[in-house]
Protein backbone atom coordinates (compact mmCIF):
# COMPACT_ATOMS: atom_id res chain seq x y z
CA UNK A 1 12.68 91.36 2.79
CA UNK A 2 12.16 88.52 5.17
CA UNK A 3 14.46 86.22 2.87
CA UNK A 4 16.78 88.50 2.32
CA UNK A 5 17.28 89.38 6.32
CA UNK A 6 17.65 85.67 7.04
CA UNK A 7 20.18 84.81 4.25
CA UNK A 8 22.35 87.71 5.10
CA UNK A 9 22.21 87.83 8.99
CA UNK A 10 20.61 84.42 10.06
CA UNK A 11 17.72 83.67 11.89
CA UNK A 12 19.31 84.82 15.43
CA UNK A 13 21.29 87.73 14.47
CA UNK A 14 18.34 89.05 11.94
CA UNK A 15 15.11 88.40 13.14
CA UNK A 16 15.81 88.53 17.01
CA UNK A 17 18.02 91.55 17.17
CA UNK A 18 17.34 93.91 20.06
CA UNK A 19 15.04 91.06 21.49
CA UNK A 20 16.34 91.76 24.94
CA UNK A 21 15.50 95.22 25.03
CA UNK A 22 12.12 94.62 23.73
CA UNK A 23 11.28 91.85 25.96
CA UNK A 24 12.03 93.51 28.89
CA UNK A 25 10.83 97.08 27.96
CA UNK A 26 7.53 95.52 26.94
CA UNK A 27 6.90 93.67 30.15
CA UNK A 28 7.39 96.67 32.06
CA UNK A 29 5.42 98.92 29.25
CA UNK A 30 2.24 96.55 29.61
CA UNK A 31 2.10 96.14 33.12
CA UNK A 32 2.14 99.75 33.88
CA UNK A 33 0.09 100.71 30.70
CA UNK A 34 -2.81 98.20 31.31
CA UNK A 35 -2.89 99.04 35.33
CA UNK A 36 -3.09 102.91 34.71
CA UNK A 37 -5.43 102.46 31.76
CA UNK A 38 -8.21 100.53 33.30
CA UNK A 39 -7.87 102.36 36.57
CA UNK A 40 -8.08 105.72 34.88
CA UNK A 41 -10.89 104.04 32.69
CA UNK A 42 -13.14 103.11 35.74
CA UNK A 43 -12.75 106.37 37.64
CA UNK A 44 -13.48 108.56 34.54
CA UNK A 45 -16.48 106.21 33.99
CA UNK A 46 -17.66 106.92 37.63
CA UNK A 47 -16.98 110.18 37.98
CA UNK A 48 -17.39 111.92 34.71
CA UNK A 49 -21.54 112.85 34.28
CA UNK A 50 -24.12 111.15 35.65
CA UNK A 51 -25.24 109.09 32.65
CA UNK A 52 -25.35 105.32 32.86
CA UNK A 53 -23.61 103.33 30.70
CA UNK A 54 -26.70 102.87 28.37
CA UNK A 55 -27.24 106.60 27.97
CA UNK A 56 -23.57 107.39 27.14
CA UNK A 57 -22.86 108.50 23.39
CA UNK A 58 -20.25 107.03 21.48
CA UNK A 59 -18.51 110.44 21.65
CA UNK A 60 -18.24 110.36 25.48
CA UNK A 61 -17.18 106.89 25.62
CA UNK A 62 -14.57 107.49 23.12
CA UNK A 63 -13.37 110.48 25.05
CA UNK A 64 -13.24 108.18 28.20
CA UNK A 65 -10.94 105.70 26.36
CA UNK A 66 -8.99 108.30 24.61
CA UNK A 67 -8.43 110.26 27.87
CA UNK A 68 -7.35 107.30 29.64
CA UNK A 69 -5.03 105.96 27.27
CA UNK A 70 -3.22 109.29 26.80
CA UNK A 71 -2.65 109.38 30.50
CA UNK A 72 -1.42 105.73 30.89
CA UNK A 73 0.89 106.27 28.08
CA UNK A 74 2.46 109.28 29.30
CA UNK A 75 3.41 107.66 32.39
CA UNK A 76 4.25 104.29 31.06
CA UNK A 77 6.70 105.81 28.50
CA UNK A 78 8.74 107.58 31.00
CA UNK A 79 10.06 103.85 31.66
CA UNK A 80 9.70 102.20 28.34
CA UNK A 81 11.41 104.65 26.03
CA UNK A 82 14.97 104.16 26.96
CA UNK A 83 14.32 100.29 25.91
CA UNK A 84 12.63 101.48 22.84
CA UNK A 85 15.41 103.55 21.90
CA UNK A 86 18.57 100.76 22.59
CA UNK A 87 16.14 98.16 20.54
CA UNK A 88 16.39 100.39 17.73
CA UNK A 89 19.87 100.83 17.68
CA UNK A 90 20.35 97.42 17.91
CA UNK A 91 18.24 96.66 14.99
CA UNK A 92 19.72 99.34 12.57
CA UNK A 93 22.96 100.69 14.04
CA UNK A 94 24.75 98.28 16.45
CA UNK A 95 27.62 98.18 13.74
CA UNK A 96 28.19 101.82 14.69
CA UNK A 97 27.47 101.59 18.49
CA UNK A 98 28.48 98.23 19.26
CA UNK A 99 26.48 97.62 22.17
CA UNK A 100 26.67 94.25 23.90
CA UNK A 101 23.68 94.08 26.04
CA UNK A 102 20.53 96.48 27.27
CA UNK A 103 22.63 97.61 30.42
CA UNK A 104 26.13 98.18 28.30
CA UNK A 105 23.64 100.34 26.06
CA UNK A 106 22.43 102.51 29.03
CA UNK A 107 25.86 103.30 29.95
CA UNK A 108 27.51 103.98 26.84
CA UNK A 109 24.61 106.32 25.96
CA UNK A 110 24.61 107.98 29.51
CA UNK A 111 28.30 108.47 29.08
CA UNK A 112 28.94 109.10 25.86
CA UNK A 113 26.09 111.12 24.59
CA UNK A 114 26.33 114.98 24.45
CA UNK A 115 23.40 115.41 26.51
CA UNK A 116 24.51 112.73 29.11
CA UNK A 117 21.56 110.51 30.55
CA UNK A 118 18.91 112.50 28.89
CA UNK A 119 20.03 110.99 25.53
CA UNK A 120 18.43 107.81 26.45
CA UNK A 121 15.11 110.00 25.60
CA UNK A 122 16.60 111.19 22.08
CA UNK A 123 13.29 111.54 19.71
CA UNK A 124 11.37 110.82 22.74
CA UNK A 125 8.69 113.92 21.40
CA UNK A 126 8.00 112.65 18.12
CA UNK A 127 7.92 108.71 19.68
CA UNK A 128 5.43 110.26 21.87
CA UNK A 129 3.22 111.79 19.47
CA UNK A 130 3.52 108.87 17.13
CA UNK A 131 2.50 105.96 19.76
CA UNK A 132 0.12 108.00 21.86
CA UNK A 133 -1.54 108.79 18.62
CA UNK A 134 -1.22 104.74 17.83
CA UNK A 135 -2.46 103.12 21.10
CA UNK A 136 -4.77 105.78 21.71
CA UNK A 137 -6.43 105.19 18.79
CA UNK A 138 -6.25 101.60 18.91
CA UNK A 139 -7.73 101.19 22.38
CA UNK A 140 -10.50 103.33 21.80
CA UNK A 141 -11.10 101.79 18.46
CA UNK A 142 -11.12 98.42 19.79
CA UNK A 143 -13.36 99.56 22.71
CA UNK A 144 -15.94 101.22 20.61
CA UNK A 145 -15.91 98.02 18.10
CA UNK A 146 -15.69 95.52 20.61
CA UNK A 147 -19.02 96.99 22.55
CA UNK A 148 -20.66 97.14 18.78
CA UNK A 149 -19.75 93.65 17.63
CA UNK A 150 -19.67 91.41 20.88
CA UNK A 151 -23.21 90.95 21.26
CA UNK A 152 -24.22 90.49 17.43
CA UNK A 153 -22.50 87.62 15.83
CA UNK A 154 -24.81 84.45 16.15
CA UNK A 155 -22.92 81.43 15.60
CA UNK A 156 -24.10 77.56 14.99
CA UNK A 157 -22.87 75.28 17.58
CA UNK A 158 -22.81 72.92 14.57
CA UNK A 159 -19.41 71.65 13.82
CA UNK A 160 -17.70 73.49 16.74
CA UNK A 161 -14.85 71.92 18.64
CA UNK A 162 -15.42 74.18 21.58
CA UNK A 163 -18.74 75.73 23.17
CA UNK A 164 -20.55 78.42 21.19
CA UNK A 165 -20.07 81.06 24.01
CA UNK A 166 -16.27 80.58 24.26
CA UNK A 167 -15.91 80.70 20.33
CA UNK A 168 -17.97 84.00 20.01
CA UNK A 169 -16.00 85.48 22.77
CA UNK A 170 -12.63 84.75 21.33
CA UNK A 171 -14.21 85.80 17.84
CA UNK A 172 -14.97 89.14 19.04
CA UNK A 173 -11.62 89.91 20.80
CA UNK A 174 -9.65 89.02 17.44
CA UNK A 175 -12.02 90.85 15.07
CA UNK A 176 -11.71 94.05 17.32
CA UNK A 177 -7.92 93.58 17.72
CA UNK A 178 -7.46 93.13 13.83
CA UNK A 179 -9.73 96.29 12.70
CA UNK A 180 -8.32 98.53 15.47
CA UNK A 181 -5.01 97.61 14.99
CA UNK A 182 -5.36 98.44 11.41
CA UNK A 183 -7.03 101.65 11.98
CA UNK A 184 -3.89 102.57 14.08
CA UNK A 185 -1.14 101.65 11.64
CA UNK A 186 -2.92 103.84 8.90
CA UNK A 187 -3.00 106.50 10.58
CA UNK A 188 0.86 106.90 12.20
CA UNK A 189 2.87 104.69 10.14
CA UNK A 190 4.33 107.98 8.55
CA UNK A 191 5.29 109.33 12.27
CA UNK A 192 6.84 105.95 12.81
CA UNK A 193 8.99 106.28 10.00
CA UNK A 194 10.14 109.84 11.26
CA UNK A 195 10.86 108.38 14.74
CA UNK A 196 12.91 105.63 13.45
CA UNK A 197 15.18 108.10 11.34
CA UNK A 198 15.74 110.35 14.33
CA UNK A 199 16.69 107.21 16.62
CA UNK A 200 19.44 105.95 14.80
CA UNK A 201 21.04 109.02 15.56
CA UNK A 202 21.47 110.38 12.08
CA UNK A 203 20.58 114.20 13.58
CA UNK A 204 18.07 115.03 10.89
CA UNK A 205 15.23 117.47 12.12
CA UNK A 206 11.43 116.01 11.12
CA UNK A 207 11.50 119.21 8.32
CA UNK A 208 14.66 117.32 6.65
CA UNK A 209 13.32 114.01 6.84
CA UNK A 210 9.97 115.10 5.66
CA UNK A 211 11.63 116.72 2.44
CA UNK A 212 14.09 113.89 2.30
CA UNK A 213 10.88 111.41 2.12
CA UNK A 214 8.42 112.97 0.21
CA UNK A 215 5.00 111.50 -0.22
CA UNK A 216 6.73 108.07 0.07
CA UNK A 217 6.98 108.70 3.92
CA UNK A 218 2.99 107.66 4.18
CA UNK A 219 3.34 104.07 2.41
CA UNK A 220 7.09 103.32 3.68
CA UNK A 221 6.74 100.04 5.23
CA UNK A 222 2.98 100.36 5.40
CA UNK A 223 2.41 96.54 4.14
CA UNK A 224 4.80 95.20 7.49
CA UNK A 225 3.57 97.94 9.67
CA UNK A 226 -0.16 96.77 9.14
CA UNK A 227 0.47 93.26 9.41
CA UNK A 228 2.93 93.74 12.42
CA UNK A 229 0.26 95.78 14.26
CA UNK A 230 -2.64 93.72 13.66
CA UNK A 231 -0.82 90.51 14.81
CA UNK A 232 0.78 92.32 17.81
CA UNK A 233 -3.05 93.58 18.42
CA UNK A 234 -4.43 90.12 18.65
CA UNK A 235 -1.70 89.16 20.72
CA UNK A 236 -2.01 92.08 23.26
CA UNK A 237 -5.74 92.07 23.43
CA UNK A 238 -6.17 88.42 23.83
CA UNK A 239 -3.32 88.26 26.56
CA UNK A 240 -4.87 91.11 28.06
CA UNK A 241 -8.60 89.55 27.85
CA UNK A 242 -7.42 85.96 29.53
CA UNK A 243 -5.18 86.67 31.85
CA UNK A 244 -7.04 89.70 32.95
CA UNK A 245 -10.38 87.04 33.17
CA UNK A 246 -8.21 84.83 35.17
CA UNK A 247 -7.82 87.20 37.99
CA UNK A 248 -10.81 89.13 37.83
CA UNK A 249 -9.19 92.15 36.05
CA UNK A 250 -9.93 91.82 32.60
CA UNK A 251 -9.93 95.07 30.23
CA UNK A 252 -14.20 94.85 30.12
CA UNK A 253 -16.22 95.39 33.26
CA UNK A 254 -19.63 95.12 33.99
CA UNK A 255 -20.81 98.74 34.04
């Protein structure tokens, strides 16, 4: 598929289609989501129950992480979703819509869609359940997996080009990222298929899409989804870990 896209559309038009919408949306989404998530997580840990960090059960920790992630996702989505919609249309249907830029797309959708500016949120409900599920699963799994493995690996300093503490720190972030990304991808892939079909503007309902796709909806694009989610998960959590650490606002905090 990669080779076909490059041959037919070229590197710029094929691989970077919708890049501007993805870039601006991701920056705003990442800042809003991460800030809200960490603030809510710290608040819930301080105010939910009287247990110490060591005394909390895995279920209680999972509930805290999932709750903070869900609320942060809802609020961030209000800003992010129009960019996501435009990105998908740039990637899949721009021969029909003929958008020239992100602002042009927003203007055309707001003025030509039968629902007016609300058209910028077409398919938002299915998208919300898909990506709320993905990021809630991913964040919760990352936090729980990270807690379990960060103190367990023992590495021999012999042969390492970097100090063993730095190596261990980065390895536990990478391992947790890959596993949490894979878990999220496996559970939400079929919902993403539905979202993309609705965002393309074909007017099909969820029931119609399920009937047309059948059981293929659970495996359609799963290999690309696993690869993309795992790689993006590593990039996201490594960035949050090191950028946050530099400003003393990293994802982890002493409890």
